[in-house]
PDB file of N, CA and C in Angstrom:
ATOM      1  N   MET A   1       0.649  -1.010   0.054  1.00  0.00           N
ATOM      2  CA  MET A   1      -0.296   0.042  -0.055  1.00  0.00           C
ATOM      3  C   MET A   1       0.857   1.200  -0.066  1.00  0.00           C
ATOM      4  N   ARG A   2       2.181   1.002   0.616  1.00  0.00           N
ATOM      5  CA  ARG A   2       2.868   2.219   0.802  1.00  0.00           C
ATOM      6  C   ARG A   2       3.358   2.567  -0.545  1.00  0.00           C
ATOM      7  N   ASN A   3       4.035   1.527  -1.348  1.00  0.00           N
ATOM      8  CA  ASN A   3       4.618   2.083  -2.803  1.00  0.00           C
ATOM      9  C   ASN A   3       3.379   2.415  -3.470  1.00  0.00           C
ATOM     10  N   ILE A   4       2.018   1.962  -3.398  1.00  0.00           N
ATOM     11  CA  ILE A   4       1.081   2.405  -4.415  1.00  0.00           C
ATOM     12  C   ILE A   4       0.885   4.214  -4.173  1.00  0.00           C
ATOM     13  N   LYS A   5       1.128   4.591  -2.704  1.00  0.00           N
ATOM     14  CA  LYS A   5       1.033   5.873  -2.454  1.00  0.00           C
ATOM     15  C   LYS A   5       2.125   6.404  -3.159  1.00  0.00           C
ATOM     16  N   LYS A   6       3.448   6.082  -2.939  1.00  0.00           N
ATOM     17  CA  LYS A   6       4.812   6.709  -3.334  1.00  0.00           C
ATOM     18  C   LYS A   6       4.254   6.945  -5.311  1.00  0.00           C
ATOM     19  N   PHE A   7       4.018   5.756  -5.757  1.00  0.00           N
ATOM     20  CA  PHE A   7       3.898   5.940  -7.019  1.00  0.00           C
ATOM     21  C   PHE A   7       2.916   6.810  -7.733  1.00  0.00           C
ATOM     22  N   SER A   8       1.899   7.236  -6.863  1.00  0.00           N
ATOM     23  CA  SER A   8       0.942   7.975  -7.154  1.00  0.00           C
ATOM     24  C   SER A   8       1.248   9.243  -7.123  1.00  0.00           C
ATOM     25  N   LEU A   9       2.001   9.613  -6.185  1.00  0.00           N
ATOM     26  CA  LEU A   9       2.338  10.719  -5.408  1.00  0.00           C
ATOM     27  C   LEU A   9       3.770  11.561  -6.544  1.00  0.00           C
ATOM     28  N   ALA A  10       4.300  10.488  -6.898  1.00  0.00           N
ATOM     29  CA  ALA A  10       5.726  10.487  -8.052  1.00  0.00           C
ATOM     30  C   ALA A  10       4.922  11.076  -9.346  1.00  0.00           C
ATOM     31  N   THR A  11       3.675  10.281  -9.485  1.00  0.00           N
ATOM     32  CA  THR A  11       3.167  10.614 -10.898  1.00  0.00           C
ATOM     33  C   THR A  11       2.373  11.792 -10.986  1.00  0.00           C
ATOM     34  N   ILE A  12       1.618  12.508  -9.944  1.00  0.00           N
ATOM     35  CA  ILE A  12       1.227  13.744  -9.760  1.00  0.00           C
ATOM     36  C   ILE A  12       2.036  14.774 -10.085  1.00  0.00           C
ATOM     37  N   PHE A  13       3.411  14.532  -8.940  1.00  0.00           N
ATOM     38  CA  PHE A  13       4.252  15.683  -9.588  1.00  0.00           C
ATOM     39  C   PHE A  13       5.233  15.646 -10.717  1.00  0.00           C
ATOM     40  N   ALA A  14       4.889  14.335 -11.340  1.00  0.00           N
ATOM     41  CA  ALA A  14       5.798  14.480 -12.787  1.00  0.00           C
ATOM     42  C   ALA A  14       4.779  15.000 -13.905  1.00  0.00           C
ATOM     43  N   LEU A  15       3.100  15.267 -13.491  1.00  0.00           N
ATOM     44  CA  LEU A  15       2.382  15.560 -14.512  1.00  0.00           C
ATOM     45  C   LEU A  15       2.324  17.030 -14.106  1.00  0.00           C
ATOM     46  N   ILE A  16       2.211  17.370 -12.793  1.00  0.00           N
ATOM     47  CA  ILE A  16       2.300  18.805 -12.677  1.00  0.00           C
ATOM     48  C   ILE A  16       3.909  19.771 -13.400  1.00  0.00           C
ATOM     49  N   GLY A  17       4.806  18.953 -13.038  1.00  0.00           N
ATOM     50  CA  GLY A  17       6.284  19.277 -13.788  1.00  0.00           C
ATOM     51  C   GLY A  17       6.298  19.513 -14.977  1.00  0.00           C
ATOM     52  N   SER A  18       5.571  18.595 -15.708  1.00  0.00           N
ATOM     53  CA  SER A  18       5.407  18.619 -17.126  1.00  0.00           C
ATOM     54  C   SER A  18       4.208  19.466 -17.716  1.00  0.00           C
ATOM     55  N   MET A  19       3.463  20.683 -16.840  1.00  0.00           N
ATOM     56  CA  MET A  19       2.851  21.103 -17.377  1.00  0.00           C
ATOM     57  C   MET A  19       3.085  22.479 -18.127  1.00  0.00           C
ATOM     58  N   PRO A  20       4.522  22.894 -17.929  1.00  0.00           N
ATOM     59  CA  PRO A  20       4.999  23.880 -18.737  1.00  0.00           C
ATOM     60  C   PRO A  20       5.223  23.721 -20.060  1.00  0.00           C
ATOM     61  N   SER A  21       5.973  22.953 -20.185  1.00  0.00           N
ATOM     62  CA  SER A  21       6.007  22.491 -21.639  1.00  0.00           C
ATOM     63  C   SER A  21       4.872  22.293 -22.631  1.00  0.00           C
ATOM     64  N   VAL A  22       3.502  21.819 -22.401  1.00  0.00           N
ATOM     65  CA  VAL A  22       2.699  21.645 -22.822  1.00  0.00           C
ATOM     66  C   VAL A  22       1.960  23.016 -23.008  1.00  0.00           C
ATOM     67  N   LEU A  23       1.787  24.234 -22.281  1.00  0.00           N
ATOM     68  CA  LEU A  23       1.725  25.353 -22.551  1.00  0.00           C
ATOM     69  C   LEU A  23       2.210  26.229 -24.166  1.00  0.00           C
ATOM     70  N   ALA A  24       1.468  26.963 -24.691  1.00  0.00           N
ATOM     71  CA  ALA A  24       1.894  27.390 -25.700  1.00  0.00           C
ATOM     72  C   ALA A  24       3.233  28.678 -25.313  1.00  0.00           C
ATOM     73  N   CYS A  25       3.997  28.808 -26.501  1.00  0.00           N
ATOM     74  CA  CYS A  25       4.657  29.472 -26.898  1.00  0.00           C
ATOM     75  C   CYS A  25       4.662  31.103 -26.922  1.00  0.00           C
ATOM     76  N   GLU A  26       5.343  31.974 -26.641  1.00  0.00           N
ATOM     77  CA  GLU A  26       4.745  33.338 -27.137  1.00  0.00           C
ATOM     78  C   GLU A  26       4.582  33.402 -28.894  1.00  0.00           C
ATOM     79  N   LEU A  27       4.937  33.078 -29.386  1.00  0.00           N
ATOM     80  CA  LEU A  27       4.406  33.175 -30.974  1.00  0.00           C
ATOM     81  C   LEU A  27       3.442  32.460 -31.070  1.00  0.00           C
ATOM     82  N   CYS A  28       2.971  31.058 -30.236  1.00  0.00           N
ATOM     83  CA  CYS A  28       1.842  30.762 -30.713  1.00  0.00           C
ATOM     84  C   CYS A  28       0.404  31.630 -29.844  1.00  0.00           C
ATOM     85  N   LYS A  29       0.929  31.928 -28.836  1.00  0.00           N
ATOM     86  CA  LYS A  29       0.105  32.868 -28.173  1.00  0.00           C
ATOM     87  C   LYS A  29      -0.477  33.771 -28.868  1.00  0.00           C
ATOM     88  N   GLN A  30       0.543  34.855 -29.608  1.00  0.00           N
ATOM     89  CA  GLN A  30      -0.027  35.774 -30.848  1.00  0.00           C
ATOM     90  C   GLN A  30      -0.532  35.364 -31.908  1.00  0.00           C
ATOM     91  N   ASN A  31      -0.557  33.976 -32.365  1.00  0.00           N
ATOM     92  CA  ASN A  31      -1.119  33.355 -33.492  1.00  0.00           C
ATOM     93  C   ASN A  31      -2.430  32.793 -33.194  1.00  0.00           C
ATOM     94  N   GLN A  32      -2.825  32.273 -32.312  1.00  0.00           N
ATOM     95  CA  GLN A  32      -4.135  31.863 -31.810  1.00  0.00           C
ATOM     96  C   GLN A  32      -4.960  32.765 -31.388  1.00  0.00           C
ATOM     97  N   PRO A  33      -6.178  32.468 -31.826  1.00  0.00           N
ATOM     98  CA  PRO A  33      -7.539  33.176 -31.836  1.00  0.00           C
ATOM     99  C   PRO A  33      -7.715  33.376 -30.061  1.00  0.00           C
ATOM    100  N   LYS A  34      -8.362  34.510 -29.714  1.00  0.00           N
ATOM    101  CA  LYS A  34      -8.665  34.501 -28.489  1.00  0.00           C
ATOM    102  C   LYS A  34      -9.390  33.508 -27.665  1.00  0.00           C
ATOM    103  N   MET A  35     -10.065  32.891 -28.014  1.00  0.00           N
ATOM    104  CA  MET A  35     -10.646  31.677 -27.213  1.00  0.00           C
ATOM    105  C   MET A  35      -9.345  30.684 -27.083  1.00  0.00           C
ATOM    106  N   LEU A  36      -8.519  30.784 -27.390  1.00  0.00           N
ATOM    107  CA  LEU A  36      -7.491  29.175 -27.435  1.00  0.00           C
ATOM    108  C   LEU A  36      -6.257  29.468 -27.071  1.00  0.00           C
ATOM    109  N   LYS A  37      -5.893  30.866 -26.644  1.00  0.00           N
ATOM    110  CA  LYS A  37      -4.665  31.635 -26.482  1.00  0.00           C
ATOM    111  C   LYS A  37      -4.447  30.793 -25.053  1.00  0.00           C
ATOM    112  N   ASN A  38      -2.857  30.634 -25.300  1.00  0.00           N
ATOM    113  CA  ASN A  38      -2.290  29.613 -24.125  1.00  0.00           C
ATOM    114  C   ASN A  38      -2.521  28.087 -23.743  1.00  0.00           C
ATOM    115  N   ILE A  39      -3.650  27.715 -24.690  1.00  0.00           N
ATOM    116  CA  ILE A  39      -3.629  26.312 -24.516  1.00  0.00           C
ATOM    117  C   ILE A  39      -2.975  25.342 -25.251  1.00  0.00           C
ATOM    118  N   THR A  40      -2.296  25.334 -27.046  1.00  0.00           N
ATOM    119  CA  THR A  40      -1.954  24.868 -27.429  1.00  0.00           C
ATOM    120  C   THR A  40      -0.760  25.360 -28.429  1.00  0.00           C
ATOM    121  N   HIS A  41       0.215  24.751 -29.071  1.00  0.00           N
ATOM    122  CA  HIS A  41       1.201  25.116 -30.088  1.00  0.00           C
ATOM    123  C   HIS A  41       0.469  25.126 -31.447  1.00  0.00           C
ATOM    124  N   GLY A  42       1.330  25.710 -32.479  1.00  0.00           N
ATOM    125  CA  GLY A  42       0.731  25.401 -33.772  1.00  0.00           C
ATOM    126  C   GLY A  42      -0.650  26.678 -34.123  1.00  0.00           C
ATOM    127  N   THR A  43      -0.634  26.326 -35.145  1.00  0.00           N
ATOM    128  CA  THR A  43      -1.813  27.678 -35.578  1.00  0.00           C
ATOM    129  C   THR A  43      -3.166  27.358 -35.393  1.00  0.00           C
ATOM    130  N   GLY A  44      -3.752  28.221 -34.918  1.00  0.00           N
ATOM    131  CA  GLY A  44      -5.311  28.268 -34.923  1.00  0.00           C
ATOM    132  C   GLY A  44      -6.398  27.238 -35.812  1.00  0.00           C
ATOM    133  N   PRO A  45      -7.359  27.301 -35.446  1.00  0.00           N
ATOM    134  CA  PRO A  45      -8.244  27.104 -36.419  1.00  0.00           C
ATOM    135  C   PRO A  45      -8.395  27.984 -37.965  1.00  0.00           C
ATOM    136  N   GLN A  46      -8.742  27.250 -39.146  1.00  0.00           N
ATOM    137  CA  GLN A  46      -8.536  27.889 -40.227  1.00  0.00           C
ATOM    138  C   GLN A  46      -9.636  28.688 -40.501  1.00  0.00           C
ATOM    139  N   SER A  47     -10.619  28.028 -40.215  1.00  0.00           N
ATOM    140  CA  SER A  47     -12.031  28.179 -40.868  1.00  0.00           C
ATOM    141  C   SER A  47     -12.946  28.353 -39.363  1.00  0.00           C
ATOM    142  N   GLU A  48     -14.537  28.786 -39.582  1.00  0.00           N
ATOM    143  CA  GLU A  48     -15.614  28.286 -38.716  1.00  0.00           C
ATOM    144  C   GLU A  48     -15.689  27.047 -38.895  1.00  0.00           C
ATOM    145  N   TRP A  49     -15.687  26.282 -39.768  1.00  0.00           N
ATOM    146  CA  TRP A  49     -15.584  24.805 -40.082  1.00  0.00           C
ATOM    147  C   TRP A  49     -15.015  23.975 -39.011  1.00  0.00           C
ATOM    148  N   ASP A  50     -13.810  24.369 -38.702  1.00  0.00           N
ATOM    149  CA  ASP A  50     -13.163  23.821 -37.491  1.00  0.00           C
ATOM    150  C   ASP A  50     -13.369  23.470 -36.393  1.00  0.00           C
ATOM    151  N   TYR A  51     -14.512  24.925 -35.796  1.00  0.00           N
ATOM    152  CA  TYR A  51     -15.116  24.561 -34.395  1.00  0.00           C
ATOM    153  C   TYR A  51     -16.124  23.711 -34.643  1.00  0.00           C
ATOM    154  N   VAL A  52     -16.671  23.708 -35.768  1.00  0.00           N
ATOM    155  CA  VAL A  52     -17.917  22.692 -35.636  1.00  0.00           C
ATOM    156  C   VAL A  52     -17.548  21.299 -35.900  1.00  0.00           C
ATOM    157  N   ILE A  53     -16.537  21.050 -36.452  1.00  0.00           N
ATOM    158  CA  ILE A  53     -15.686  19.690 -36.469  1.00  0.00           C
ATOM    159  C   ILE A  53     -15.395  19.250 -35.074  1.00  0.00           C
ATOM    160  N   ILE A  54     -14.799  20.330 -34.505  1.00  0.00           N
ATOM    161  CA  ILE A  54     -14.622  20.269 -32.856  1.00  0.00           C
ATOM    162  C   ILE A  54     -15.378  19.901 -31.873  1.00  0.00           C
ATOM    163  N   ILE A  55     -16.602  20.684 -32.266  1.00  0.00           N
ATOM    164  CA  ILE A  55     -17.526  20.809 -31.330  1.00  0.00           C
ATOM    165  C   ILE A  55     -18.505  19.210 -31.636  1.00  0.00           C
ATOM    166  N   ILE A  56     -18.574  18.759 -32.935  1.00  0.00           N
ATOM    167  CA  ILE A  56     -19.048  17.445 -32.969  1.00  0.00           C
ATOM    168  C   ILE A  56     -18.150  16.415 -32.676  1.00  0.00           C
ATOM    169  N   GLY A  57     -17.180  16.486 -32.505  1.00  0.00           N
ATOM    170  CA  GLY A  57     -16.244  15.166 -32.098  1.00  0.00           C
ATOM    171  C   GLY A  57     -16.264  15.315 -30.588  1.00  0.00           C
ATOM    172  N   ILE A  58     -16.290  16.480 -29.927  1.00  0.00           N
ATOM    173  CA  ILE A  58     -16.359  16.410 -28.451  1.00  0.00           C
ATOM    174  C   ILE A  58     -17.815  15.890 -27.883  1.00  0.00           C
ATOM    175  N   ILE A  59     -18.930  15.945 -28.643  1.00  0.00           N
ATOM    176  CA  ILE A  59     -20.161  15.326 -28.475  1.00  0.00           C
ATOM    177  C   ILE A  59     -19.933  13.923 -28.809  1.00  0.00           C
ATOM    178  N   ILE A  60     -19.445  13.642 -29.417  1.00  0.00           N
ATOM    179  CA  ILE A  60     -19.492  12.065 -30.156  1.00  0.00           C
ATOM    180  C   ILE A  60     -18.466  11.267 -28.805  1.00  0.00           C
ATOM    181  N   VAL A  61     -17.400  12.005 -28.243  1.00  0.00           N
ATOM    182  CA  VAL A  61     -16.600  11.372 -27.316  1.00  0.00           C
ATOM    183  C   VAL A  61     -17.357  11.449 -26.061  1.00  0.00           C
ATOM    184  N   CYS A  62     -18.200  12.330 -25.706  1.00  0.00           N
ATOM    185  CA  CYS A  62     -19.047  12.167 -24.399  1.00  0.00           C
ATOM    186  C   CYS A  62     -19.726  11.600 -24.470  1.00  0.00           C
ATOM    187  N   LEU A  63     -20.673  11.211 -25.524  1.00  0.00           N
ATOM    188  CA  LEU A  63     -22.049  10.166 -25.900  1.00  0.00           C
ATOM    189  C   LEU A  63     -20.910   8.827 -25.534  1.00  0.00           C
ATOM    190  N   THR A  64     -20.009   8.730 -26.065  1.00  0.00           N
ATOM    191  CA  THR A  64     -19.585   7.197 -26.069  1.00  0.00           C
ATOM    192  C   THR A  64     -18.988   7.080 -24.560  1.00  0.00           C
ATOM    193  N   LEU A  65     -18.638   8.040 -23.855  1.00  0.00           N
ATOM    194  CA  LEU A  65     -18.213   7.469 -22.452  1.00  0.00           C
ATOM    195  C   LEU A  65     -19.425   7.556 -22.295  1.00  0.00           C
ATOM    196  N   PHE A  66     -20.358   7.959 -21.906  1.00  0.00           N
ATOM    197  CA  PHE A  66     -21.270   7.697 -20.746  1.00  0.00           C
ATOM    198  C   PHE A  66     -22.193   6.683 -20.952  1.00  0.00           C
ATOM    199  N   TYR A  67     -22.413   6.020 -22.653  1.00  0.00           N
ATOM    200  CA  TYR A  67     -23.105   4.849 -22.472  1.00  0.00           C
ATOM    201  C   TYR A  67     -22.228   3.549 -22.136  1.00  0.00           C
ATOM    202  N   SER A  68     -20.774   4.014 -22.872  1.00  0.00           N
ATOM    203  CA  SER A  68     -19.791   2.908 -21.907  1.00  0.00           C
ATOM    204  C   SER A  68     -19.864   2.864 -20.597  1.00  0.00           C
ATOM    205  N   VAL A  69     -19.959   3.915 -19.872  1.00  0.00           N
ATOM    206  CA  VAL A  69     -19.951   3.376 -18.408  1.00  0.00           C
ATOM    207  C   VAL A  69     -21.550   3.173 -18.327  1.00  0.00           C
ATOM    208  N   LYS A  70     -22.509   3.780 -19.075  1.00  0.00           N
ATOM    209  CA  LYS A  70     -23.769   3.229 -18.180  1.00  0.00           C
ATOM    210  C   LYS A  70     -24.140   1.765 -18.659  1.00  0.00           C
ATOM    211  N   PHE A  71     -23.594   1.235 -19.472  1.00  0.00           N
ATOM    212  CA  PHE A  71     -23.746  -0.341 -19.973  1.00  0.00           C
ATOM    213  C   PHE A  71     -22.888  -0.941 -19.338  1.00  0.00           C
ATOM    214  N   LEU A  72     -21.749  -0.301 -18.592  1.00  0.00           N
ATOM    215  CA  LEU A  72     -20.879  -0.889 -18.117  1.00  0.00           C
ATOM    216  C   LEU A  72     -21.180  -1.642 -16.650  1.00  0.00           C
ATOM    217  N   VAL A  73     -21.762  -0.723 -16.220  1.00  0.00           N
ATOM    218  CA  VAL A  73     -22.199  -0.303 -14.710  1.00  0.00           C
ATOM    219  C   VAL A  73     -23.961  -1.138 -14.757  1.00  0.00           C
ATOM    220  N   ARG A  74     -24.606  -1.119 -15.860  1.00  0.00           N
ATOM    221  CA  ARG A  74     -25.665  -1.879 -15.341  1.00  0.00           C
ATOM    222  C   ARG A  74     -26.184  -2.284 -16.980  1.00  0.00           C
ATOM    223  N   PRO A  75     -25.660  -3.267 -17.319  1.00  0.00           N
ATOM    224  CA  PRO A  75     -25.918  -3.875 -18.529  1.00  0.00           C
ATOM    225  C   PRO A  75     -27.261  -4.242 -19.111  1.00  0.00           C
ATOM    226  N   GLN A  76     -28.322  -4.124 -17.958  1.00  0.00           N
ATOM    227  CA  GLN A  76     -29.545  -4.870 -18.481  1.00  0.00           C
ATOM    228  C   GLN A  76     -29.853  -5.833 -19.064  1.00  0.00           C
ATOM    229  N   GLU A  77     -29.046  -6.798 -19.253  1.00  0.00           N
ATOM    230  CA  GLU A  77     -29.282  -7.848 -20.405  1.00  0.00           C
ATOM    231  C   GLU A  77     -30.019  -8.983 -19.174  1.00  0.00           C
ATOM    232  N   LYS A  78     -30.950  -9.670 -19.422  1.00  0.00           N
ATOM    233  CA  LYS A  78     -31.667 -10.563 -18.615  1.00  0.00           C
ATOM    234  C   LYS A  78     -31.611 -11.867 -19.349  1.00  0.00           C
ATOM    235  N   ASP A  79     -31.513 -11.939 -20.703  1.00  0.00           N
ATOM    236  CA  ASP A  79     -31.617 -12.933 -21.928  1.00  0.00           C
ATOM    237  C   ASP A  79     -30.406 -14.488 -21.161  1.00  0.00           C
ATOM    238  N   PRO A  80     -30.821 -15.471 -20.731  1.00  0.00           N
ATOM    239  CA  PRO A  80     -29.640 -16.505 -20.381  1.00  0.00           C
ATOM    240  C   PRO A  80     -29.047 -17.241 -21.415  1.00  0.00           C
ATOM    241  N   ASP A  81     -29.024 -16.691 -22.797  1.00  0.00           N
ATOM    242  CA  ASP A  81     -28.353 -17.312 -23.833  1.00  0.00           C
ATOM    243  C   ASP A  81     -27.134 -16.238 -24.004  1.00  0.00           C
ATOM    244  N   HIS A  82     -27.368 -15.280 -23.436  1.00  0.00           N
ATOM    245  CA  HIS A  82     -26.441 -13.931 -23.834  1.00  0.00           C
ATOM    246  C   HIS A  82     -25.090 -14.480 -23.582  1.00  0.00           C
ATOM    247  N   ILE A  83     -24.190 -14.008 -24.552  1.00  0.00           N
ATOM    248  CA  ILE A  83     -22.298 -14.085 -24.577  1.00  0.00           C
ATOM    249  C   ILE A  83     -21.813 -14.241 -22.909  1.00  0.00           C
ATOM    250  N   LYS A  84     -22.359 -13.074 -22.650  1.00  0.00           N
ATOM    251  CA  LYS A  84     -22.015 -12.759 -21.195  1.00  0.00           C
ATOM    252  C   LYS A  84     -22.090 -13.636 -19.915  1.00  0.00           C
ATOM    253  N   ASN A  85     -23.175 -14.540 -19.932  1.00  0.00           N
ATOM    254  CA  ASN A  85     -23.205 -15.712 -19.327  1.00  0.00           C
ATOM    255  C   ASN A  85     -22.539 -17.194 -19.541  1.00  0.00           C
ATOM    256  N   ILE A  86     -21.760 -16.945 -20.573  1.00  0.00           N
ATOM    257  CA  ILE A  86     -20.451 -18.269 -20.997  1.00  0.00           C
ATOM    258  C   ILE A  86     -19.632 -17.751 -19.637  1.00  0.00           C
ATOM    259  N   VAL A  87     -19.113 -16.393 -19.228  1.00  0.00           N
ATOM    260  CA  VAL A  87     -17.791 -16.324 -18.747  1.00  0.00           C
ATOM    261  C   VAL A  87     -18.459 -16.052 -17.437  1.00  0.00           C
ATOM    262  N   VAL A  88     -19.637 -15.472 -16.898  1.00  0.00           N
ATOM    263  CA  VAL A  88     -20.170 -15.625 -15.600  1.00  0.00           C
ATOM    264  C   VAL A  88     -20.712 -16.895 -15.213  1.00  0.00           C
ATOM    265  N   ASN A  89     -21.053 -17.815 -15.544  1.00  0.00           N
ATOM    266  CA  ASN A  89     -21.692 -19.239 -15.645  1.00  0.00           C
ATOM    267  C   ASN A  89     -20.416 -20.319 -15.575  1.00  0.00           C
ATOM    268  N   GLU A  90     -19.367 -20.168 -16.254  1.00  0.00           N
ATOM    269  CA  GLU A  90     -18.196 -20.660 -16.227  1.00  0.00           C
ATOM    270  C   GLU A  90     -17.401 -20.727 -15.126  1.00  0.00           C
ATOM    271  N   GLY A  91     -17.571 -19.863 -14.035  1.00  0.00           N
ATOM    272  CA  GLY A  91     -16.851 -19.788 -12.833  1.00  0.00           C
ATOM    273  C   GLY A  91     -17.701 -20.674 -11.636  1.00  0.00           C
ATOM    274  N   ARG A  92     -19.140 -20.403 -12.027  1.00  0.00           N
ATOM    275  CA  ARG A  92     -19.810 -21.162 -11.047  1.00  0.00           C
ATOM    276  C   ARG A  92     -19.690 -22.809 -11.367  1.00  0.00           C
ATOM    277  N   LEU A  93     -19.503 -22.994 -12.462  1.00  0.00           N
ATOM    278  CA  LEU A  93     -19.386 -24.370 -13.120  1.00  0.00           C
ATOM    279  C   LEU A  93     -18.106 -25.058 -12.560  1.00  0.00           C
ATOM    280  N   VAL A  94     -17.443 -24.223 -12.228  1.00  0.00           N
ATOM    281  CA  VAL A  94     -15.876 -24.635 -11.811  1.00  0.00           C
ATOM    282  C   VAL A  94     -16.223 -25.030 -10.448  1.00  0.00           C
ATOM    283  N   ASN A  95     -16.561 -24.010  -9.862  1.00  0.00           N
ATOM    284  CA  ASN A  95     -16.650 -24.157  -8.161  1.00  0.00           C
ATOM    285  C   ASN A  95     -17.533 -25.469  -8.119  1.00  0.00           C
ATOM    286  N   GLU A  96     -18.639 -25.818  -8.706  1.00  0.00           N
ATOM    287  CA  GLU A  96     -19.697 -26.687  -8.516  1.00  0.00           C
ATOM    288  C   GLU A  96     -19.322 -27.927  -8.501  1.00  0.00           C
ATOM    289  N   SER A  97     -18.309 -28.040  -9.796  1.00  0.00           N
ATOM    290  CA  SER A  97     -17.786 -29.854  -9.874  1.00  0.00           C
ATOM    291  C   SER A  97     -16.713 -30.133  -9.052  1.00  0.00           C
ATOM    292  N   ASP A  98     -15.979 -28.762  -8.201  1.00  0.00           N
ATOM    293  CA  ASP A  98     -15.063 -28.933  -7.323  1.00  0.00           C
ATOM    294  C   ASP A  98     -15.922 -29.522  -6.069  1.00  0.00           C
ATOM    295  N   SER A  99     -16.940 -28.947  -5.633  1.00  0.00           N
ATOM    296  CA  SER A  99     -17.536 -29.784  -4.733  1.00  0.00           C
ATOM    297  C   SER A  99     -18.554 -30.932  -4.728  1.00  0.00           C
ATOM    298  N   TYR A 100     -18.321 -31.763  -6.111  1.00  0.00           N
ATOM    299  CA  TYR A 100     -18.952 -32.800  -6.367  1.00  0.00           C
ATOM    300  C   TYR A 100     -17.818 -34.029  -6.301  1.00  0.00           C
ATOM    301  N   SER A 101     -16.297 -33.627  -6.486  1.00  0.00           N
ATOM    302  CA  SER A 101     -15.221 -34.544  -6.520  1.00  0.00           C
ATOM    303  C   SER A 101     -15.016 -35.116  -5.112  1.00  0.00           C
TER     304      SER A 101
END
């Protein structure tokens, strides 16, 4: 348990220490639009369509994350022939067969 705490603490310090290298340099700050200043290196969006594409991408990622967590926590699958039951029931069969031996 103590090693996990040390590892977590070291990881946090490493991430905090690397933050300044992620932020934009002075030249990039000047070239970025006002909304994106000091966030990233390189040129900013070239047209209004770039913002639309980014927003659609963010929406797709958020929906995917939401439904992934939702169906992972509560799959709501009751069919006994569903493929997940092969894995779930396999553990029970092994334990039951051990008790009969």
